[in-house]
N, C-alpha and C. Protein backbone atom coordinates (compact mmCIF):
# COMPACT_ATOMS: atom_id res chain seq x y z
N MET A 1 0.84 -1.19 0.00
CA MET A 1 -0.02 -0.02 0.04
C MET A 1 0.93 1.22 -0.01
N ALA A 2 0.64 2.16 -0.86
CA ALA A 2 1.39 3.40 -0.99
C ALA A 2 0.96 4.35 0.11
N LEU A 3 1.98 5.04 0.71
CA LEU A 3 1.67 6.03 1.72
C LEU A 3 1.57 7.40 1.10
N TYR A 4 0.41 7.99 1.06
CA TYR A 4 0.13 9.24 0.45
C TYR A 4 0.13 10.36 1.50
N SER A 5 1.21 10.72 1.99
CA SER A 5 1.26 11.76 2.96
C SER A 5 2.13 12.94 2.49
N PHE A 6 2.02 14.05 3.16
CA PHE A 6 2.87 15.23 2.77
C PHE A 6 3.53 15.75 4.08
N GLY A 7 4.39 14.96 4.56
CA GLY A 7 5.11 15.29 5.77
C GLY A 7 6.24 16.21 5.59
N THR A 8 6.97 16.49 6.65
CA THR A 8 8.10 17.48 6.54
C THR A 8 9.26 16.91 5.72
N ASN A 9 9.33 15.56 5.61
CA ASN A 9 10.49 15.05 4.88
C ASN A 9 10.34 15.17 3.36
N VAL A 10 9.16 15.62 2.87
CA VAL A 10 8.97 15.83 1.42
C VAL A 10 8.78 17.28 1.08
N ARG A 11 9.28 18.16 1.91
CA ARG A 11 9.16 19.59 1.65
C ARG A 11 10.60 20.20 1.64
N LEU A 12 10.78 21.21 0.76
CA LEU A 12 11.96 22.01 0.80
C LEU A 12 11.76 23.05 1.90
N HIS A 13 12.70 23.08 2.86
CA HIS A 13 12.56 23.96 4.03
C HIS A 13 13.25 25.23 3.97
N CYS A 14 14.58 25.17 3.91
CA CYS A 14 15.39 26.34 4.10
C CYS A 14 15.80 26.98 2.76
N ALA A 15 16.30 28.19 2.87
CA ALA A 15 16.72 28.91 1.66
C ALA A 15 17.80 28.17 0.86
N ALA A 16 18.66 27.43 1.54
CA ALA A 16 19.67 26.70 0.83
C ALA A 16 19.07 25.62 -0.05
N ASP A 17 17.99 24.99 0.41
CA ASP A 17 17.33 23.94 -0.49
C ASP A 17 16.75 24.59 -1.70
N PHE A 18 16.08 25.75 -1.52
CA PHE A 18 15.53 26.45 -2.64
C PHE A 18 16.63 26.96 -3.60
N LYS A 19 17.67 27.48 -3.02
CA LYS A 19 18.74 27.97 -3.85
C LYS A 19 19.39 26.89 -4.68
N SER A 20 19.55 25.72 -4.09
CA SER A 20 20.17 24.61 -4.86
C SER A 20 19.32 24.23 -6.06
N VAL A 21 17.99 24.28 -5.88
CA VAL A 21 17.14 23.98 -7.03
C VAL A 21 17.18 25.12 -8.08
N PHE A 22 17.14 26.37 -7.63
CA PHE A 22 17.21 27.51 -8.55
C PHE A 22 18.52 27.52 -9.35
N ASP A 23 19.63 27.26 -8.61
CA ASP A 23 20.96 27.31 -9.26
C ASP A 23 21.26 26.08 -10.08
N GLY A 24 20.80 24.93 -9.65
CA GLY A 24 21.10 23.68 -10.32
C GLY A 24 19.95 23.05 -11.09
N ALA A 25 18.95 23.76 -11.50
CA ALA A 25 17.79 23.21 -12.15
C ALA A 25 18.20 22.55 -13.48
N LEU A 26 18.01 21.28 -13.56
CA LEU A 26 18.26 20.53 -14.82
C LEU A 26 17.03 20.41 -15.67
N PHE A 27 15.85 20.51 -15.01
CA PHE A 27 14.59 20.31 -15.70
C PHE A 27 13.70 21.52 -15.48
N LYS A 28 13.13 21.98 -16.57
CA LYS A 28 12.09 23.12 -16.50
C LYS A 28 10.89 22.65 -17.26
N VAL A 29 9.74 22.77 -16.64
CA VAL A 29 8.47 22.49 -17.30
C VAL A 29 7.61 23.70 -17.26
N HIS A 30 7.17 24.16 -18.39
CA HIS A 30 6.32 25.33 -18.50
C HIS A 30 4.89 24.87 -18.71
N GLN A 31 3.98 25.35 -17.97
CA GLN A 31 2.55 25.17 -18.19
C GLN A 31 1.95 26.53 -18.40
N PRO A 32 0.70 26.66 -18.85
CA PRO A 32 0.17 28.04 -19.03
C PRO A 32 0.17 28.86 -17.78
N HIS A 33 0.01 28.25 -16.57
CA HIS A 33 -0.06 29.05 -15.38
C HIS A 33 0.90 28.63 -14.31
N PHE A 34 1.87 27.74 -14.67
CA PHE A 34 2.89 27.27 -13.71
C PHE A 34 4.23 27.20 -14.35
N LEU A 35 5.31 27.37 -13.58
CA LEU A 35 6.67 27.04 -13.98
C LEU A 35 7.25 26.12 -12.96
N PHE A 36 7.76 24.97 -13.39
CA PHE A 36 8.37 23.99 -12.53
C PHE A 36 9.88 23.97 -12.80
N LEU A 37 10.66 24.02 -11.70
CA LEU A 37 12.07 23.85 -11.79
C LEU A 37 12.43 22.63 -10.96
N ALA A 38 13.32 21.79 -11.42
CA ALA A 38 13.61 20.55 -10.69
C ALA A 38 15.11 20.18 -10.96
N LYS A 39 15.62 19.44 -9.96
CA LYS A 39 16.99 18.79 -10.03
C LYS A 39 16.93 17.55 -9.36
N PRO A 40 17.87 16.61 -9.64
CA PRO A 40 17.91 15.36 -8.94
C PRO A 40 18.16 15.58 -7.42
N SER A 41 17.48 14.79 -6.63
CA SER A 41 17.56 14.93 -5.24
C SER A 41 18.61 14.00 -4.56
N GLU A 42 19.23 14.51 -3.52
CA GLU A 42 20.14 13.66 -2.78
C GLU A 42 19.39 13.01 -1.65
N GLN A 43 18.14 13.30 -1.39
CA GLN A 43 17.29 12.77 -0.33
C GLN A 43 16.65 11.45 -0.82
N PRO A 44 16.16 10.67 0.12
CA PRO A 44 15.51 9.39 -0.25
C PRO A 44 14.08 9.57 -0.88
N LYS A 45 13.52 10.78 -0.87
CA LYS A 45 12.23 11.05 -1.42
C LYS A 45 12.29 12.38 -2.20
N SER A 46 11.33 12.44 -3.13
CA SER A 46 11.17 13.75 -3.90
C SER A 46 10.65 14.74 -2.90
N ARG A 47 11.09 16.02 -3.09
CA ARG A 47 10.65 17.08 -2.25
C ARG A 47 10.08 18.23 -3.05
N LEU A 48 9.12 18.95 -2.45
CA LEU A 48 8.42 20.02 -3.08
C LEU A 48 8.61 21.35 -2.39
N GLY A 49 8.84 22.44 -3.12
CA GLY A 49 8.86 23.76 -2.61
C GLY A 49 7.94 24.61 -3.37
N LEU A 50 7.27 25.50 -2.74
CA LEU A 50 6.34 26.41 -3.44
C LEU A 50 6.76 27.83 -3.19
N VAL A 51 6.73 28.60 -4.36
CA VAL A 51 7.05 30.05 -4.30
C VAL A 51 5.90 30.74 -4.92
N VAL A 52 5.05 31.32 -4.06
CA VAL A 52 3.86 32.04 -4.60
C VAL A 52 3.99 33.50 -4.10
N ALA A 53 4.49 34.32 -4.95
CA ALA A 53 4.81 35.73 -4.54
C ALA A 53 3.53 36.57 -4.66
N LYS A 54 3.51 37.61 -3.77
CA LYS A 54 2.44 38.59 -3.83
C LYS A 54 2.35 39.30 -5.16
N LYS A 55 3.55 39.45 -5.75
CA LYS A 55 3.61 40.18 -7.03
C LYS A 55 2.86 39.43 -8.15
N LYS A 56 2.81 38.15 -8.04
CA LYS A 56 2.09 37.27 -9.04
C LYS A 56 0.64 37.07 -8.65
N VAL A 57 0.37 36.83 -7.34
CA VAL A 57 -1.00 36.56 -6.87
C VAL A 57 -1.28 37.52 -5.70
N ARG A 58 -2.03 38.50 -5.93
CA ARG A 58 -2.26 39.58 -4.93
C ARG A 58 -2.96 39.15 -3.64
N ARG A 59 -4.05 38.36 -3.80
CA ARG A 59 -4.86 38.12 -2.65
C ARG A 59 -4.38 36.82 -1.90
N ALA A 60 -4.38 36.93 -0.59
CA ALA A 60 -3.86 35.80 0.28
C ALA A 60 -4.68 34.57 0.04
N HIS A 61 -6.00 34.66 -0.08
CA HIS A 61 -6.83 33.44 -0.25
C HIS A 61 -6.49 32.77 -1.50
N GLU A 62 -6.16 33.49 -2.58
CA GLU A 62 -5.84 32.89 -3.84
C GLU A 62 -4.45 32.26 -3.77
N ARG A 63 -3.49 32.82 -3.06
CA ARG A 63 -2.14 32.25 -2.88
C ARG A 63 -2.32 30.92 -2.13
N ASN A 64 -3.17 30.93 -1.08
CA ASN A 64 -3.38 29.70 -0.25
C ASN A 64 -4.05 28.63 -1.13
N ARG A 65 -4.99 29.03 -1.98
CA ARG A 65 -5.63 28.02 -2.80
C ARG A 65 -4.67 27.38 -3.79
N ILE A 66 -3.82 28.16 -4.36
CA ILE A 66 -2.83 27.63 -5.29
C ILE A 66 -1.87 26.67 -4.61
N LYS A 67 -1.39 27.08 -3.39
CA LYS A 67 -0.48 26.27 -2.69
C LYS A 67 -1.19 24.92 -2.27
N ARG A 68 -2.42 25.07 -1.87
CA ARG A 68 -3.19 23.80 -1.42
C ARG A 68 -3.35 22.91 -2.56
N LEU A 69 -3.66 23.38 -3.75
CA LEU A 69 -3.83 22.50 -4.91
C LEU A 69 -2.56 21.88 -5.38
N ALA A 70 -1.45 22.64 -5.30
CA ALA A 70 -0.13 22.13 -5.69
C ALA A 70 0.32 21.01 -4.74
N ARG A 71 0.20 21.26 -3.41
CA ARG A 71 0.56 20.24 -2.41
C ARG A 71 -0.28 18.98 -2.59
N GLU A 72 -1.57 19.13 -2.75
CA GLU A 72 -2.44 17.92 -2.89
C GLU A 72 -2.04 17.14 -4.15
N SER A 73 -1.78 17.81 -5.27
CA SER A 73 -1.45 17.16 -6.45
C SER A 73 -0.09 16.39 -6.35
N PHE A 74 0.86 17.09 -5.66
CA PHE A 74 2.13 16.46 -5.44
C PHE A 74 1.96 15.23 -4.49
N ARG A 75 1.14 15.36 -3.48
CA ARG A 75 0.95 14.26 -2.56
C ARG A 75 0.40 13.01 -3.29
N LEU A 76 -0.49 13.23 -4.24
CA LEU A 76 -1.08 12.09 -4.98
C LEU A 76 -0.14 11.51 -6.02
N HIS A 77 0.84 12.29 -6.53
CA HIS A 77 1.74 11.86 -7.59
C HIS A 77 3.15 11.53 -7.12
N GLN A 78 3.43 11.69 -5.86
CA GLN A 78 4.82 11.59 -5.42
C GLN A 78 5.38 10.14 -5.52
N GLN A 79 4.48 9.18 -5.53
CA GLN A 79 4.97 7.78 -5.62
C GLN A 79 5.47 7.49 -7.04
N GLN A 80 4.89 8.14 -8.01
CA GLN A 80 5.33 7.89 -9.44
C GLN A 80 6.51 8.71 -9.83
N LEU A 81 6.84 9.79 -9.09
CA LEU A 81 7.93 10.66 -9.47
C LEU A 81 9.29 10.05 -9.16
N ALA A 82 10.27 10.42 -10.04
CA ALA A 82 11.67 10.05 -9.75
C ALA A 82 12.15 10.84 -8.54
N LEU A 83 13.32 10.60 -8.05
CA LEU A 83 13.86 11.33 -6.94
C LEU A 83 14.31 12.73 -7.36
N ILE A 84 13.47 13.67 -7.25
CA ILE A 84 13.82 15.04 -7.59
C ILE A 84 13.31 16.04 -6.60
N ASP A 85 14.04 17.18 -6.51
CA ASP A 85 13.54 18.29 -5.80
C ASP A 85 12.89 19.26 -6.71
N ILE A 86 11.72 19.71 -6.40
CA ILE A 86 10.86 20.54 -7.29
C ILE A 86 10.52 21.84 -6.63
N VAL A 87 10.60 22.94 -7.40
CA VAL A 87 10.01 24.21 -6.99
C VAL A 87 8.95 24.61 -7.97
N VAL A 88 7.75 24.87 -7.46
CA VAL A 88 6.60 25.26 -8.29
C VAL A 88 6.35 26.76 -8.09
N MET A 89 6.25 27.47 -9.22
CA MET A 89 5.95 28.93 -9.21
C MET A 89 4.86 29.25 -10.11
N PRO A 90 3.86 29.97 -9.65
CA PRO A 90 2.72 30.35 -10.49
C PRO A 90 3.14 31.50 -11.40
N LYS A 91 2.36 31.68 -12.50
CA LYS A 91 2.59 32.79 -13.43
C LYS A 91 1.40 33.74 -13.26
N LEU A 92 1.56 34.95 -13.82
CA LEU A 92 0.53 35.97 -13.67
C LEU A 92 -0.78 35.45 -14.31
N GLY A 93 -1.87 35.86 -13.68
CA GLY A 93 -3.23 35.49 -14.21
C GLY A 93 -3.75 34.16 -13.69
N ILE A 94 -3.01 33.53 -12.80
CA ILE A 94 -3.43 32.22 -12.28
C ILE A 94 -4.73 32.28 -11.44
N GLU A 95 -4.91 33.39 -10.77
CA GLU A 95 -6.07 33.46 -9.89
C GLU A 95 -7.43 33.39 -10.58
N THR A 96 -7.45 33.58 -11.93
CA THR A 96 -8.75 33.56 -12.64
C THR A 96 -9.00 32.11 -13.09
N VAL A 97 -8.10 31.18 -12.98
CA VAL A 97 -8.23 29.82 -13.47
C VAL A 97 -8.98 28.94 -12.44
N SER A 98 -9.82 28.03 -12.91
CA SER A 98 -10.61 27.16 -12.04
C SER A 98 -9.68 26.09 -11.40
N ASN A 99 -10.14 25.50 -10.38
CA ASN A 99 -9.39 24.44 -9.67
C ASN A 99 -9.16 23.25 -10.60
N ALA A 100 -10.19 22.89 -11.37
CA ALA A 100 -10.13 21.72 -12.27
C ALA A 100 -9.04 21.94 -13.28
N ASP A 101 -9.04 23.15 -13.89
CA ASP A 101 -7.91 23.45 -14.90
C ASP A 101 -6.50 23.43 -14.30
N LEU A 102 -6.40 24.00 -13.11
CA LEU A 102 -5.10 23.98 -12.42
C LEU A 102 -4.66 22.56 -12.08
N THR A 103 -5.54 21.69 -11.62
CA THR A 103 -5.23 20.33 -11.38
C THR A 103 -4.81 19.62 -12.58
N GLN A 104 -5.48 19.80 -13.67
CA GLN A 104 -5.06 19.20 -14.92
C GLN A 104 -3.67 19.65 -15.38
N GLN A 105 -3.39 20.93 -15.26
CA GLN A 105 -2.05 21.43 -15.62
C GLN A 105 -0.97 20.82 -14.70
N LEU A 106 -1.31 20.66 -13.40
CA LEU A 106 -0.35 20.05 -12.50
C LEU A 106 -0.05 18.62 -12.90
N GLN A 107 -1.11 17.86 -13.26
CA GLN A 107 -0.91 16.48 -13.65
C GLN A 107 -0.04 16.31 -14.84
N LEU A 108 -0.30 17.18 -15.86
CA LEU A 108 0.58 17.17 -17.06
C LEU A 108 2.02 17.50 -16.68
N ALA A 109 2.17 18.43 -15.77
CA ALA A 109 3.57 18.85 -15.38
C ALA A 109 4.24 17.70 -14.62
N TRP A 110 3.60 16.98 -13.79
CA TRP A 110 4.24 15.86 -13.11
C TRP A 110 4.68 14.81 -14.11
N ARG A 111 3.86 14.50 -15.13
CA ARG A 111 4.20 13.59 -16.16
C ARG A 111 5.40 14.00 -16.90
N LYS A 112 5.46 15.26 -17.32
CA LYS A 112 6.56 15.77 -18.05
C LYS A 112 7.85 15.76 -17.24
N LEU A 113 7.76 16.17 -15.92
CA LEU A 113 8.92 16.12 -15.10
C LEU A 113 9.45 14.71 -14.87
N ASN A 114 8.57 13.74 -14.73
CA ASN A 114 8.99 12.41 -14.51
C ASN A 114 9.64 11.88 -15.78
N ARG A 115 9.12 12.22 -16.93
CA ARG A 115 9.69 11.74 -18.23
C ARG A 115 11.10 12.33 -18.38
N LEU A 116 11.24 13.63 -18.07
CA LEU A 116 12.57 14.25 -18.19
C LEU A 116 13.57 13.67 -17.24
N ALA A 117 13.13 13.42 -16.02
CA ALA A 117 14.03 12.87 -14.98
C ALA A 117 14.45 11.44 -15.34
N HIS A 118 13.55 10.60 -15.89
CA HIS A 118 13.91 9.28 -16.28
C HIS A 118 14.84 9.25 -17.50
N LYS A 119 14.55 10.15 -18.46
CA LYS A 119 15.42 10.27 -19.58
C LYS A 119 16.84 10.71 -19.19
N HIS A 120 16.94 11.64 -18.22
CA HIS A 120 18.22 12.10 -17.76
C HIS A 120 18.98 10.98 -16.97
N GLN A 121 18.25 10.21 -16.20
CA GLN A 121 18.77 9.09 -15.48
C GLN A 121 19.29 7.99 -16.43
N ASN A 122 18.54 7.73 -17.49
CA ASN A 122 18.99 6.75 -18.47
C ASN A 122 20.19 7.16 -19.26
N THR A 123 20.41 8.47 -19.49
CA THR A 123 21.61 8.88 -20.20
C THR A 123 22.81 8.83 -19.32
N ILE A 124 22.63 8.92 -18.01
CA ILE A 124 23.75 8.92 -17.05
C ILE A 124 24.08 7.41 -16.76
N SER A 125 23.14 6.57 -16.60
CA SER A 125 23.31 5.19 -16.18
C SER A 125 24.29 4.43 -17.12
N PRO A 126 24.11 4.45 -18.48
CA PRO A 126 24.99 3.71 -19.33
C PRO A 126 26.50 4.10 -19.20
N SER A 127 26.70 5.39 -19.02
CA SER A 127 28.09 5.89 -18.95
C SER A 127 28.73 5.41 -17.59
N ILE A 128 27.96 5.25 -16.57
CA ILE A 128 28.49 4.77 -15.31
C ILE A 128 28.83 3.31 -15.37
N GLU A 129 28.10 2.53 -16.09
CA GLU A 129 28.34 1.06 -16.19
C GLU A 129 29.62 0.73 -16.97
N LYS A 130 30.12 1.59 -17.83
CA LYS A 130 31.29 1.28 -18.63
C LYS A 130 32.53 1.41 -17.85
């Protein structure tokens, strides 16, 4: 049985964690209302960080809604993801989009990130075996 939790061990906490993803991002996934940055993780689980700036989303309840949807989507998809650290950032105009559309964009982004991570892992693995 898969454990679908969102505990402290699957979150990016400190500024150094976020900085390592921003500086070393190997994977970028653009969606109409999200930008995902990711890099391979040194931790035993994939981790998520959210950056929802007031400049992009003015109202607090909208920022909270976006963060809640992103966390829930990550929680449900974390078992299928490769070991990566992910930072999710919304784009301008996201507050007018419905929850269903945002959830669909998040699902597509998880699939794209997973595909990129596995492709990257497969390109590294053959060179290590030689």
